Amino acid sequence: MSPFTGEFGALRHDLTRVATFEDRPVGAILVVGKSIWDPQLHGPFIIDLFVHPDVRGMGVGRALLDDAVHACARAEDATLSLRVGEGTSPAALALYTRAGFQQR
């Protein structure tokens, strides 16, 4: 299933970003208008953040996440949410914690 079919919500193009290196995509953050799983969450929701294995550890994920957070602030969105689960890597959890995300 692709987020572009609307099954995960409406993609927020103003918050979604793609990182490139030498004209090839190396990472992306996909943000929708709101979570389809958590009705209590209001505002933009990160449905995916991924980085190509060749560039992991080089700050690409941090840059994508930081840019999405700052874009939310510029758009006057009060919150930005995401979900973590069994498959979330320790590196991703550390990234989210450093960015100020908190578990509920």
PDB file of N, CA and C in Angstrom:
ATOM      1  N   MET A   1       0.837  -1.186   0.000  1.00  0.00           N
ATOM      2  CA  MET A   1       0.000   0.000   0.000  1.00  0.00           C
ATOM      3  C   MET A   1       0.876   1.242   0.000  1.00  0.00           C
ATOM      4  N   SER A   2       0.517   2.170  -0.789  1.00  0.00           N
ATOM      5  CA  SER A   2       1.263   3.414  -0.870  1.00  0.00           C
ATOM      6  C   SER A   2       0.506   4.528  -0.158  1.00  0.00           C
ATOM      7  N   PRO A   3       1.219   5.390   0.555  1.00  0.00           N
ATOM      8  CA  PRO A   3       0.537   6.510   1.200  1.00  0.00           C
ATOM      9  C   PRO A   3      -0.094   7.435   0.179  1.00  0.00           C
ATOM     10  N   PHE A   4       0.349   7.340  -1.056  1.00  0.00           N
ATOM     11  CA  PHE A   4      -0.162   8.237  -2.076  1.00  0.00           C
ATOM     12  C   PHE A   4      -1.551   7.835  -2.542  1.00  0.00           C
ATOM     13  N   THR A   5      -2.018   6.638  -2.186  1.00  0.00           N
ATOM     14  CA  THR A   5      -3.371   6.239  -2.546  1.00  0.00           C
ATOM     15  C   THR A   5      -4.379   6.748  -1.531  1.00  0.00           C
ATOM     16  N   GLY A   6      -3.899   7.374  -0.465  1.00  0.00           N
ATOM     17  CA  GLY A   6      -4.784   7.927   0.548  1.00  0.00           C
ATOM     18  C   GLY A   6      -5.134   6.970   1.661  1.00  0.00           C
ATOM     19  N   GLU A   7      -4.622   5.756   1.632  1.00  0.00           N
ATOM     20  CA  GLU A   7      -4.978   4.775   2.648  1.00  0.00           C
ATOM     21  C   GLU A   7      -4.398   5.106   4.015  1.00  0.00           C
ATOM     22  N   PHE A   8      -3.367   5.914   4.054  1.00  0.00           N
ATOM     23  CA  PHE A   8      -2.763   6.331   5.312  1.00  0.00           C
ATOM     24  C   PHE A   8      -3.051   7.784   5.625  1.00  0.00           C
ATOM     25  N   GLY A   9      -3.939   8.382   4.873  1.00  0.00           N
ATOM     26  CA  GLY A   9      -4.287   9.780   5.062  1.00  0.00           C
ATOM     27  C   GLY A   9      -3.749  10.639   3.936  1.00  0.00           C
ATOM     28  N   ALA A  10      -4.089  11.897   4.000  1.00  0.00           N
ATOM     29  CA  ALA A  10      -3.669  12.839   2.965  1.00  0.00           C
ATOM     30  C   ALA A  10      -2.227  13.281   3.212  1.00  0.00           C
ATOM     31  N   LEU A  11      -1.391  13.065   2.223  1.00  0.00           N
ATOM     32  CA  LEU A  11       0.012  13.443   2.329  1.00  0.00           C
ATOM     33  C   LEU A  11       0.134  14.955   2.461  1.00  0.00           C
ATOM     34  N   ARG A  12       0.918  15.402   3.430  1.00  0.00           N
ATOM     35  CA  ARG A  12       1.213  16.829   3.597  1.00  0.00           C
ATOM     36  C   ARG A  12       2.469  17.125   2.792  1.00  0.00           C
ATOM     37  N   HIS A  13       2.286  17.607   1.591  1.00  0.00           N
ATOM     38  CA  HIS A  13       3.413  17.900   0.708  1.00  0.00           C
ATOM     39  C   HIS A  13       4.321  18.980   1.289  1.00  0.00           C
ATOM     40  N   ASP A  14       3.744  19.876   2.102  1.00  0.00           N
ATOM     41  CA  ASP A  14       4.552  20.948   2.689  1.00  0.00           C
ATOM     42  C   ASP A  14       5.472  20.445   3.801  1.00  0.00           C
ATOM     43  N   LEU A  15       5.234  19.232   4.296  1.00  0.00           N
ATOM     44  CA  LEU A  15       6.045  18.668   5.376  1.00  0.00           C
ATOM     45  C   LEU A  15       6.860  17.453   4.938  1.00  0.00           C
ATOM     46  N   THR A  16       6.514  16.859   3.832  1.00  0.00           N
ATOM     47  CA  THR A  16       7.194  15.678   3.317  1.00  0.00           C
ATOM     48  C   THR A  16       8.472  16.106   2.597  1.00  0.00           C
ATOM     49  N   ARG A  17       9.544  15.372   2.845  1.00  0.00           N
ATOM     50  CA  ARG A  17      10.846  15.731   2.281  1.00  0.00           C
ATOM     51  C   ARG A  17      11.551  14.496   1.732  1.00  0.00           C
ATOM     52  N   VAL A  18      12.414  14.729   0.736  1.00  0.00           N
ATOM     53  CA  VAL A  18      13.289  13.692   0.183  1.00  0.00           C
ATOM     54  C   VAL A  18      14.712  14.224   0.251  1.00  0.00           C
ATOM     55  N   ALA A  19      15.623  13.416   0.759  1.00  0.00           N
ATOM     56  CA  ALA A  19      17.042  13.771   0.784  1.00  0.00           C
ATOM     57  C   ALA A  19      17.718  13.116  -0.404  1.00  0.00           C
ATOM     58  N   THR A  20      18.582  13.863  -1.063  1.00  0.00           N
ATOM     59  CA  THR A  20      19.292  13.318  -2.215  1.00  0.00           C
ATOM     60  C   THR A  20      20.800  13.498  -2.031  1.00  0.00           C
ATOM     61  N   PHE A  21      21.538  12.628  -2.684  1.00  0.00           N
ATOM     62  CA  PHE A  21      22.998  12.731  -2.741  1.00  0.00           C
ATOM     63  C   PHE A  21      23.398  12.350  -4.153  1.00  0.00           C
ATOM     64  N   GLU A  22      24.121  13.238  -4.808  1.00  0.00           N
ATOM     65  CA  GLU A  22      24.534  13.026  -6.190  1.00  0.00           C
ATOM     66  C   GLU A  22      23.333  12.652  -7.063  1.00  0.00           C
ATOM     67  N   ASP A  23      22.271  13.412  -6.894  1.00  0.00           N
ATOM     68  CA  ASP A  23      21.036  13.273  -7.690  1.00  0.00           C
ATOM     69  C   ASP A  23      20.300  11.945  -7.515  1.00  0.00           C
ATOM     70  N   ARG A  24      20.559  11.250  -6.415  1.00  0.00           N
ATOM     71  CA  ARG A  24      19.765  10.041  -6.149  1.00  0.00           C
ATOM     72  C   ARG A  24      19.157  10.150  -4.758  1.00  0.00           C
ATOM     73  N   PRO A  25      17.919   9.663  -4.588  1.00  0.00           N
ATOM     74  CA  PRO A  25      17.297   9.730  -3.267  1.00  0.00           C
ATOM     75  C   PRO A  25      18.015   8.805  -2.291  1.00  0.00           C
ATOM     76  N   VAL A  26      18.271   9.339  -1.087  1.00  0.00           N
ATOM     77  CA  VAL A  26      18.931   8.533  -0.054  1.00  0.00           C
ATOM     78  C   VAL A  26      18.102   8.472   1.230  1.00  0.00           C
ATOM     79  N   GLY A  27      16.982   9.174   1.261  1.00  0.00           N
ATOM     80  CA  GLY A  27      16.119   9.136   2.432  1.00  0.00           C
ATOM     81  C   GLY A  27      14.880   9.964   2.197  1.00  0.00           C
ATOM     82  N   ALA A  28      13.875   9.745   3.037  1.00  0.00           N
ATOM     83  CA  ALA A  28      12.638  10.511   2.928  1.00  0.00           C
ATOM     84  C   ALA A  28      11.879  10.461   4.242  1.00  0.00           C
ATOM     85  N   ILE A  29      11.087  11.489   4.452  1.00  0.00           N
ATOM     86  CA  ILE A  29      10.142  11.522   5.563  1.00  0.00           C
ATOM     87  C   ILE A  29       8.782  11.818   4.942  1.00  0.00           C
ATOM     88  N   LEU A  30       7.817  10.966   5.241  1.00  0.00           N
ATOM     89  CA  LEU A  30       6.460  11.114   4.714  1.00  0.00           C
ATOM     90  C   LEU A  30       5.536  11.507   5.856  1.00  0.00           C
ATOM     91  N   VAL A  31       4.832  12.615   5.684  1.00  0.00           N
ATOM     92  CA  VAL A  31       3.961  13.150   6.728  1.00  0.00           C
ATOM     93  C   VAL A  31       2.556  13.307   6.166  1.00  0.00           C
ATOM     94  N   VAL A  32       1.577  12.823   6.915  1.00  0.00           N
ATOM     95  CA  VAL A  32       0.171  12.988   6.538  1.00  0.00           C
ATOM     96  C   VAL A  32      -0.497  13.973   7.496  1.00  0.00           C
ATOM     97  N   GLY A  33      -1.704  14.369   7.156  1.00  0.00           N
ATOM     98  CA  GLY A  33      -2.412  15.379   7.943  1.00  0.00           C
ATOM     99  C   GLY A  33      -2.721  14.956   9.362  1.00  0.00           C
ATOM    100  N   LYS A  34      -3.019  13.666   9.563  1.00  0.00           N
ATOM    101  CA  LYS A  34      -3.288  13.158  10.912  1.00  0.00           C
ATOM    102  C   LYS A  34      -3.189  11.643  10.903  1.00  0.00           C
ATOM    103  N   SER A  35      -3.019  11.081  12.086  1.00  0.00           N
ATOM    104  CA  SER A  35      -2.903   9.633  12.227  1.00  0.00           C
ATOM    105  C   SER A  35      -4.243   8.963  11.954  1.00  0.00           C
ATOM    106  N   ILE A  36      -4.202   7.876  11.178  1.00  0.00           N
ATOM    107  CA  ILE A  36      -5.423   7.102  10.978  1.00  0.00           C
ATOM    108  C   ILE A  36      -5.584   6.050  12.073  1.00  0.00           C
ATOM    109  N   TRP A  37      -4.551   5.836  12.888  1.00  0.00           N
ATOM    110  CA  TRP A  37      -4.592   4.820  13.936  1.00  0.00           C
ATOM    111  C   TRP A  37      -4.910   5.391  15.312  1.00  0.00           C
ATOM    112  N   ASP A  38      -4.619   6.656  15.513  1.00  0.00           N
ATOM    113  CA  ASP A  38      -4.724   7.256  16.840  1.00  0.00           C
ATOM    114  C   ASP A  38      -5.627   8.483  16.790  1.00  0.00           C
ATOM    115  N   PRO A  39      -6.931   8.309  16.948  1.00  0.00           N
ATOM    116  CA  PRO A  39      -7.851   9.444  16.812  1.00  0.00           C
ATOM    117  C   PRO A  39      -7.615  10.562  17.830  1.00  0.00           C
ATOM    118  N   GLN A  40      -6.955  10.261  18.935  1.00  0.00           N
ATOM    119  CA  GLN A  40      -6.693  11.287  19.937  1.00  0.00           C
ATOM    120  C   GLN A  40      -5.568  12.231  19.525  1.00  0.00           C
ATOM    121  N   LEU A  41      -4.801  11.853  18.517  1.00  0.00           N
ATOM    122  CA  LEU A  41      -3.721  12.713  18.032  1.00  0.00           C
ATOM    123  C   LEU A  41      -4.273  13.695  17.010  1.00  0.00           C
ATOM    124  N   HIS A  42      -3.944  14.927  17.199  1.00  0.00           N
ATOM    125  CA  HIS A  42      -4.380  15.971  16.271  1.00  0.00           C
ATOM    126  C   HIS A  42      -3.148  16.568  15.615  1.00  0.00           C
ATOM    127  N   GLY A  43      -3.240  16.834  14.353  1.00  0.00           N
ATOM    128  CA  GLY A  43      -2.124  17.452  13.652  1.00  0.00           C
ATOM    129  C   GLY A  43      -1.337  16.456  12.833  1.00  0.00           C
ATOM    130  N   PRO A  44      -0.290  16.929  12.193  1.00  0.00           N
ATOM    131  CA  PRO A  44       0.504  16.097  11.286  1.00  0.00           C
ATOM    132  C   PRO A  44       1.086  14.861  11.975  1.00  0.00           C
ATOM    133  N   PHE A  45       1.267  13.819  11.151  1.00  0.00           N
ATOM    134  CA  PHE A  45       1.712  12.526  11.648  1.00  0.00           C
ATOM    135  C   PHE A  45       2.744  11.955  10.674  1.00  0.00           C
ATOM    136  N   ILE A  46       3.894  11.572  11.200  1.00  0.00           N
ATOM    137  CA  ILE A  46       4.936  10.950  10.381  1.00  0.00           C
ATOM    138  C   ILE A  46       4.568   9.487  10.174  1.00  0.00           C
ATOM    139  N   ILE A  47       4.335   9.118   8.908  1.00  0.00           N
ATOM    140  CA  ILE A  47       4.018   7.714   8.656  1.00  0.00           C
ATOM    141  C   ILE A  47       5.255   6.914   8.280  1.00  0.00           C
ATOM    142  N   ASP A  48       6.311   7.596   7.846  1.00  0.00           N
ATOM    143  CA  ASP A  48       7.531   6.863   7.534  1.00  0.00           C
ATOM    144  C   ASP A  48       8.719   7.814   7.493  1.00  0.00           C
ATOM    145  N   LEU A  49       9.827   7.321   7.967  1.00  0.00           N
ATOM    146  CA  LEU A  49      11.117   7.995   7.875  1.00  0.00           C
ATOM    147  C   LEU A  49      12.113   6.901   7.544  1.00  0.00           C
ATOM    148  N   PHE A  50      12.758   7.007   6.406  1.00  0.00           N
ATOM    149  CA  PHE A  50      13.712   5.975   6.051  1.00  0.00           C
ATOM    150  C   PHE A  50      14.948   6.587   5.411  1.00  0.00           C
ATOM    151  N   VAL A  51      16.056   5.874   5.595  1.00  0.00           N
ATOM    152  CA  VAL A  51      17.355   6.305   5.093  1.00  0.00           C
ATOM    153  C   VAL A  51      18.023   5.093   4.444  1.00  0.00           C
ATOM    154  N   HIS A  52      18.601   5.304   3.276  1.00  0.00           N
ATOM    155  CA  HIS A  52      19.305   4.216   2.578  1.00  0.00           C
ATOM    156  C   HIS A  52      20.458   3.724   3.451  1.00  0.00           C
ATOM    157  N   PRO A  53      20.650   2.415   3.505  1.00  0.00           N
ATOM    158  CA  PRO A  53      21.722   1.858   4.346  1.00  0.00           C
ATOM    159  C   PRO A  53      23.109   2.439   4.056  1.00  0.00           C
ATOM    160  N   ASP A  54      23.370   2.835   2.833  1.00  0.00           N
ATOM    161  CA  ASP A  54      24.695   3.372   2.485  1.00  0.00           C
ATOM    162  C   ASP A  54      25.010   4.699   3.174  1.00  0.00           C
ATOM    163  N   VAL A  55      23.986   5.418   3.626  1.00  0.00           N
ATOM    164  CA  VAL A  55      24.233   6.730   4.236  1.00  0.00           C
ATOM    165  C   VAL A  55      23.764   6.802   5.687  1.00  0.00           C
ATOM    166  N   ARG A  56      23.406   5.679   6.255  1.00  0.00           N
ATOM    167  CA  ARG A  56      22.996   5.684   7.668  1.00  0.00           C
ATOM    168  C   ARG A  56      24.166   6.121   8.537  1.00  0.00           C
ATOM    169  N   GLY A  57      23.841   6.868   9.586  1.00  0.00           N
ATOM    170  CA  GLY A  57      24.869   7.363  10.481  1.00  0.00           C
ATOM    171  C   GLY A  57      25.516   8.658  10.019  1.00  0.00           C
ATOM    172  N   MET A  58      25.041   9.203   8.900  1.00  0.00           N
ATOM    173  CA  MET A  58      25.623  10.430   8.351  1.00  0.00           C
ATOM    174  C   MET A  58      24.749  11.658   8.595  1.00  0.00           C
ATOM    175  N   GLY A  59      23.689  11.506   9.407  1.00  0.00           N
ATOM    176  CA  GLY A  59      22.848  12.653   9.743  1.00  0.00           C
ATOM    177  C   GLY A  59      21.677  12.906   8.810  1.00  0.00           C
ATOM    178  N   VAL A  60      21.439  12.022   7.860  1.00  0.00           N
ATOM    179  CA  VAL A  60      20.341  12.223   6.912  1.00  0.00           C
ATOM    180  C   VAL A  60      18.997  12.163   7.627  1.00  0.00           C
ATOM    181  N   GLY A  61      18.787  11.158   8.453  1.00  0.00           N
ATOM    182  CA  GLY A  61      17.528  11.033   9.192  1.00  0.00           C
ATOM    183  C   GLY A  61      17.294  12.230  10.099  1.00  0.00           C
ATOM    184  N   ARG A  62      18.338  12.660  10.784  1.00  0.00           N
ATOM    185  CA  ARG A  62      18.234  13.820  11.676  1.00  0.00           C
ATOM    186  C   ARG A  62      17.863  15.068  10.881  1.00  0.00           C
ATOM    187  N   ALA A  63      18.485  15.261   9.732  1.00  0.00           N
ATOM    188  CA  ALA A  63      18.185  16.429   8.906  1.00  0.00           C
ATOM    189  C   ALA A  63      16.745  16.397   8.396  1.00  0.00           C
ATOM    190  N   LEU A  64      16.280  15.232   7.973  1.00  0.00           N
ATOM    191  CA  LEU A  64      14.900  15.111   7.503  1.00  0.00           C
ATOM    192  C   LEU A  64      13.913  15.398   8.624  1.00  0.00           C
ATOM    193  N   LEU A  65      14.163  14.806   9.790  1.00  0.00           N
ATOM    194  CA  LEU A  65      13.272  15.009  10.930  1.00  0.00           C
ATOM    195  C   LEU A  65      13.286  16.466  11.379  1.00  0.00           C
ATOM    196  N   ASP A  66      14.463  17.056  11.494  1.00  0.00           N
ATOM    197  CA  ASP A  66      14.564  18.460  11.895  1.00  0.00           C
ATOM    198  C   ASP A  66      13.825  19.365  10.917  1.00  0.00           C
ATOM    199  N   ASP A  67      13.970  19.090   9.632  1.00  0.00           N
ATOM    200  CA  ASP A  67      13.307  19.920   8.631  1.00  0.00           C
ATOM    201  C   ASP A  67      11.793  19.795   8.743  1.00  0.00           C
ATOM    202  N   ALA A  68      11.292  18.585   8.980  1.00  0.00           N
ATOM    203  CA  ALA A  68       9.846  18.407   9.137  1.00  0.00           C
ATOM    204  C   ALA A  68       9.337  19.131  10.382  1.00  0.00           C
ATOM    205  N   VAL A  69      10.078  19.050  11.472  1.00  0.00           N
ATOM    206  CA  VAL A  69       9.692  19.743  12.709  1.00  0.00           C
ATOM    207  C   VAL A  69       9.636  21.249  12.474  1.00  0.00           C
ATOM    208  N   HIS A  70      10.661  21.799  11.824  1.00  0.00           N
ATOM    209  CA  HIS A  70      10.688  23.239  11.564  1.00  0.00           C
ATOM    210  C   HIS A  70       9.599  23.655  10.568  1.00  0.00           C
ATOM    211  N   ALA A  71       9.315  22.804   9.587  1.00  0.00           N
ATOM    212  CA  ALA A  71       8.242  23.101   8.634  1.00  0.00           C
ATOM    213  C   ALA A  71       6.895  23.128   9.342  1.00  0.00           C
ATOM    214  N   CYS A  72       6.699  22.237  10.316  1.00  0.00           N
ATOM    215  CA  CYS A  72       5.456  22.254  11.110  1.00  0.00           C
ATOM    216  C   CYS A  72       5.336  23.575  11.863  1.00  0.00           C
ATOM    217  N   ALA A  73       6.413  24.013  12.457  1.00  0.00           N
ATOM    218  CA  ALA A  73       6.389  25.275  13.201  1.00  0.00           C
ATOM    219  C   ALA A  73       6.063  26.436  12.269  1.00  0.00           C
ATOM    220  N   ARG A  74       6.674  26.455  11.078  1.00  0.00           N
ATOM    221  CA  ARG A  74       6.384  27.523  10.118  1.00  0.00           C
ATOM    222  C   ARG A  74       4.929  27.490   9.661  1.00  0.00           C
ATOM    223  N   ALA A  75       4.352  26.280   9.574  1.00  0.00           N
ATOM    224  CA  ALA A  75       2.961  26.123   9.154  1.00  0.00           C
ATOM    225  C   ALA A  75       1.987  26.339  10.315  1.00  0.00           C
ATOM    226  N   GLU A  76       2.555  26.611  11.498  1.00  0.00           N
ATOM    227  CA  GLU A  76       1.782  26.841  12.725  1.00  0.00           C
ATOM    228  C   GLU A  76       0.996  25.615  13.169  1.00  0.00           C
ATOM    229  N   ASP A  77       1.551  24.438  12.895  1.00  0.00           N
ATOM    230  CA  ASP A  77       0.992  23.195  13.425  1.00  0.00           C
ATOM    231  C   ASP A  77       1.497  23.056  14.855  1.00  0.00           C
ATOM    232  N   ALA A  78       0.595  22.792  15.781  1.00  0.00           N
ATOM    233  CA  ALA A  78       0.962  22.732  17.197  1.00  0.00           C
ATOM    234  C   ALA A  78       1.710  21.451  17.564  1.00  0.00           C
ATOM    235  N   THR A  79       1.501  20.391  16.804  1.00  0.00           N
ATOM    236  CA  THR A  79       2.117  19.111  17.140  1.00  0.00           C
ATOM    237  C   THR A  79       2.601  18.400  15.885  1.00  0.00           C
ATOM    238  N   LEU A  80       3.473  17.439  16.091  1.00  0.00           N
ATOM    239  CA  LEU A  80       3.896  16.484  15.072  1.00  0.00           C
ATOM    240  C   LEU A  80       4.056  15.172  15.816  1.00  0.00           C
ATOM    241  N   SER A  81       3.391  14.134  15.336  1.00  0.00           N
ATOM    242  CA  SER A  81       3.395  12.848  16.036  1.00  0.00           C
ATOM    243  C   SER A  81       3.958  11.750  15.149  1.00  0.00           C
ATOM    244  N   LEU A  82       4.290  10.635  15.784  1.00  0.00           N
ATOM    245  CA  LEU A  82       4.721   9.436  15.085  1.00  0.00           C
ATOM    246  C   LEU A  82       4.448   8.246  15.968  1.00  0.00           C
ATOM    247  N   ARG A  83       4.598   7.049  15.413  1.00  0.00           N
ATOM    248  CA  ARG A  83       4.429   5.811  16.169  1.00  0.00           C
ATOM    249  C   ARG A  83       5.735   5.036  16.152  1.00  0.00           C
ATOM    250  N   VAL A  84       6.009   4.352  17.231  1.00  0.00           N
ATOM    251  CA  VAL A  84       7.123   3.419  17.272  1.00  0.00           C
ATOM    252  C   VAL A  84       6.569   2.062  17.662  1.00  0.00           C
ATOM    253  N   GLY A  85       7.239   1.023  17.249  1.00  0.00           N
ATOM    254  CA  GLY A  85       6.768  -0.321  17.556  1.00  0.00           C
ATOM    255  C   GLY A  85       7.925  -1.291  17.620  1.00  0.00           C
ATOM    256  N   GLU A  86       7.597  -2.563  17.550  1.00  0.00           N
ATOM    257  CA  GLU A  86       8.605  -3.619  17.666  1.00  0.00           C
ATOM    258  C   GLU A  86       9.734  -3.472  16.657  1.00  0.00           C
ATOM    259  N   GLY A  87       9.416  -3.045  15.452  1.00  0.00           N
ATOM    260  CA  GLY A  87      10.423  -2.958  14.405  1.00  0.00           C
ATOM    261  C   GLY A  87      11.243  -1.678  14.410  1.00  0.00           C
ATOM    262  N   THR A  88      10.966  -0.787  15.353  1.00  0.00           N
ATOM    263  CA  THR A  88      11.694   0.476  15.402  1.00  0.00           C
ATOM    264  C   THR A  88      13.100   0.227  15.944  1.00  0.00           C
ATOM    265  N   SER A  89      14.081   0.684  15.202  1.00  0.00           N
ATOM    266  CA  SER A  89      15.469   0.436  15.597  1.00  0.00           C
ATOM    267  C   SER A  89      15.866   1.305  16.789  1.00  0.00           C
ATOM    268  N   PRO A  90      16.852   0.856  17.556  1.00  0.00           N
ATOM    269  CA  PRO A  90      17.370   1.684  18.652  1.00  0.00           C
ATOM    270  C   PRO A  90      17.880   3.040  18.152  1.00  0.00           C
ATOM    271  N   ALA A  91      18.480   3.065  16.964  1.00  0.00           N
ATOM    272  CA  ALA A  91      18.973   4.331  16.411  1.00  0.00           C
ATOM    273  C   ALA A  91      17.810   5.286  16.147  1.00  0.00           C
ATOM    274  N   ALA A  92      16.699   4.768  15.625  1.00  0.00           N
ATOM    275  CA  ALA A  92      15.525   5.611  15.369  1.00  0.00           C
ATOM    276  C   ALA A  92      14.941   6.121  16.685  1.00  0.00           C
ATOM    277  N   LEU A  93      14.853   5.249  17.683  1.00  0.00           N
ATOM    278  CA  LEU A  93      14.347   5.684  18.989  1.00  0.00           C
ATOM    279  C   LEU A  93      15.213   6.792  19.580  1.00  0.00           C
ATOM    280  N   ALA A  94      16.520   6.652  19.457  1.00  0.00           N
ATOM    281  CA  ALA A  94      17.432   7.682  19.961  1.00  0.00           C
ATOM    282  C   ALA A  94      17.240   8.990  19.189  1.00  0.00           C
ATOM    283  N   LEU A  95      17.060   8.903  17.889  1.00  0.00           N
ATOM    284  CA  LEU A  95      16.822  10.083  17.060  1.00  0.00           C
ATOM    285  C   LEU A  95      15.565  10.812  17.510  1.00  0.00           C
ATOM    286  N   TYR A  96      14.483  10.065  17.702  1.00  0.00           N
ATOM    287  CA  TYR A  96      13.213  10.679  18.110  1.00  0.00           C
ATOM    288  C   TYR A  96      13.324  11.308  19.501  1.00  0.00           C
ATOM    289  N   THR A  97      14.022  10.626  20.401  1.00  0.00           N
ATOM    290  CA  THR A  97      14.194  11.157  21.759  1.00  0.00           C
ATOM    291  C   THR A  97      15.004  12.451  21.729  1.00  0.00           C
ATOM    292  N   ARG A  98      16.100  12.461  20.974  1.00  0.00           N
ATOM    293  CA  ARG A  98      16.923  13.679  20.855  1.00  0.00           C
ATOM    294  C   ARG A  98      16.137  14.829  20.242  1.00  0.00           C
ATOM    295  N   ALA A  99      15.180  14.514  19.378  1.00  0.00           N
ATOM    296  CA  ALA A  99      14.373  15.546  18.719  1.00  0.00           C
ATOM    297  C   ALA A  99      13.259  16.057  19.631  1.00  0.00           C
ATOM    298  N   GLY A 100      13.087  15.412  20.794  1.00  0.00           N
ATOM    299  CA  GLY A 100      12.086  15.880  21.745  1.00  0.00           C
ATOM    300  C   GLY A 100      10.776  15.118  21.748  1.00  0.00           C
ATOM    301  N   PHE A 101      10.681  14.063  20.935  1.00  0.00           N
ATOM    302  CA  PHE A 101       9.457  13.248  20.951  1.00  0.00           C
ATOM    303  C   PHE A 101       9.392  12.475  22.260  1.00  0.00           C
ATOM    304  N   GLN A 102       8.189  12.319  22.787  1.00  0.00           N
ATOM    305  CA  GLN A 102       7.987  11.615  24.054  1.00  0.00           C
ATOM    306  C   GLN A 102       6.965  10.518  23.875  1.00  0.00           C
ATOM    307  N   GLN A 103       7.177   9.392  24.568  1.00  0.00           N
ATOM    308  CA  GLN A 103       6.208   8.304  24.513  1.00  0.00           C
ATOM    309  C   GLN A 103       5.010   8.619  25.376  1.00  0.00           C
ATOM    310  N   ARG A 104       3.860   8.191  24.915  1.00  0.00           N
ATOM    311  CA  ARG A 104       2.626   8.354  25.695  1.00  0.00           C
ATOM    312  C   ARG A 104       2.085   7.017  26.060  1.00  0.00           C
TER     313      ARG A 104
END
